[in-house]
Each structure stands twice: as C-alpha cells, then as structure tokens.
Amino acid sequence: MAMTRRWSIINCRDDPVFSGTMIMRWSPEAVLNGIKVTVIAEHEAAMQSTLANLAALVA
C-alpha cells in the first residue's frame, strides 16, 4: 500500500508566475524493479520548475 505525503509550499519569489501556494502530493509505491513515485502538483509553473531541477540533479 502506498503512503501519500502532502506538502504545501508558499513561494516567496519575486516572479508572479510562482506566486501563491503550491500543494504537492508524493505517492511512492513498490514495483517489480524499484520504486514508482507519483507526484501531483496544483501549480503548473512550479511543477515544471521542480521537474527541471530534478532532471539537472540526476543528469
């Protein structure tokens, strides 16, 4: 059974694209060859930024 974690993040950037509160839900679950993580975010611009940062980290 997957355990979902929920975070609320208030952006403090000067860029209005990132203003407001972003709510993210992370749901990890075991799969045959590892772990699958499903991420649901309610703020599209912030999610795109998060994915870009993750891609740079694992590249």
Protein backbone atom coordinates (compact mmCIF):
# COMPACT_ATOMS: atom_id res chain seq x y z
CA MET A 1 0.00 0.00 0.00
CA ALA A 2 1.36 3.42 -0.98
CA MET A 3 1.75 6.16 1.59
CA THR A 4 0.96 9.64 0.26
CA ARG A 5 2.73 12.69 1.61
CA ARG A 6 1.28 16.16 1.11
CA TRP A 7 3.24 19.39 1.24
CA SER A 8 2.04 22.98 1.00
CA ILE A 9 4.70 25.38 -0.20
CA ILE A 10 4.31 29.15 -0.20
CA ASN A 11 6.52 30.64 -2.88
CA CYS A 12 8.46 33.75 -1.88
CA ARG A 13 9.85 34.58 -5.31
CA ASP A 14 9.52 37.97 -6.93
CA ASP A 15 8.29 36.32 -10.14
CA PRO A 16 4.45 36.44 -10.21
CA VAL A 17 4.38 33.17 -12.20
CA PHE A 18 5.38 31.39 -8.99
CA SER A 19 3.16 33.34 -6.61
CA GLY A 20 0.69 31.62 -4.34
CA THR A 21 0.71 28.28 -2.59
CA MET A 22 1.68 25.07 -4.32
CA ILE A 23 0.29 21.83 -2.96
CA MET A 24 2.20 18.69 -3.92
CA ARG A 25 1.26 15.08 -3.23
CA TRP A 26 4.01 12.43 -3.47
CA SER A 27 2.91 8.79 -3.53
CA PRO A 28 5.73 6.21 -3.60
CA GLU A 29 4.92 2.56 -4.27
CA ALA A 30 6.99 -0.57 -4.68
CA VAL A 31 7.11 -2.02 -8.19
CA LEU A 32 8.92 -5.03 -9.64
CA ASN A 33 12.26 -3.29 -10.28
CA GLY A 34 12.26 -0.45 -7.76
CA ILE A 35 10.00 2.35 -6.63
CA LYS A 36 7.45 4.32 -8.62
CA VAL A 37 6.76 7.83 -7.35
CA THR A 38 3.64 9.63 -8.49
CA VAL A 39 3.72 13.41 -7.99
CA ILE A 40 0.62 15.58 -8.29
CA ALA A 41 1.03 19.35 -8.09
CA GLU A 42 -1.65 22.01 -8.20
CA HIS A 43 0.61 24.75 -9.62
CA GLU A 44 1.83 24.02 -13.16
CA ALA A 45 4.68 26.53 -13.36
CA ALA A 46 6.11 25.43 -10.03
CA MET A 47 5.85 21.77 -11.03
CA GLN A 48 7.74 22.44 -14.27
CA SER A 49 10.46 24.18 -12.26
CA THR A 50 10.61 21.26 -9.81
CA LEU A 51 10.97 18.75 -12.66
CA ALA A 52 13.72 20.82 -14.30
CA ASN A 53 15.64 20.92 -11.01
CA LEU A 54 15.21 17.15 -10.58
CA ALA A 55 16.42 16.49 -14.13
CA ALA A 56 19.52 18.61 -13.51
CA LEU A 57 20.21 16.72 -10.28
CA VAL A 58 20.06 13.25 -11.81
CA ALA A 59 21.76 14.14 -15.12
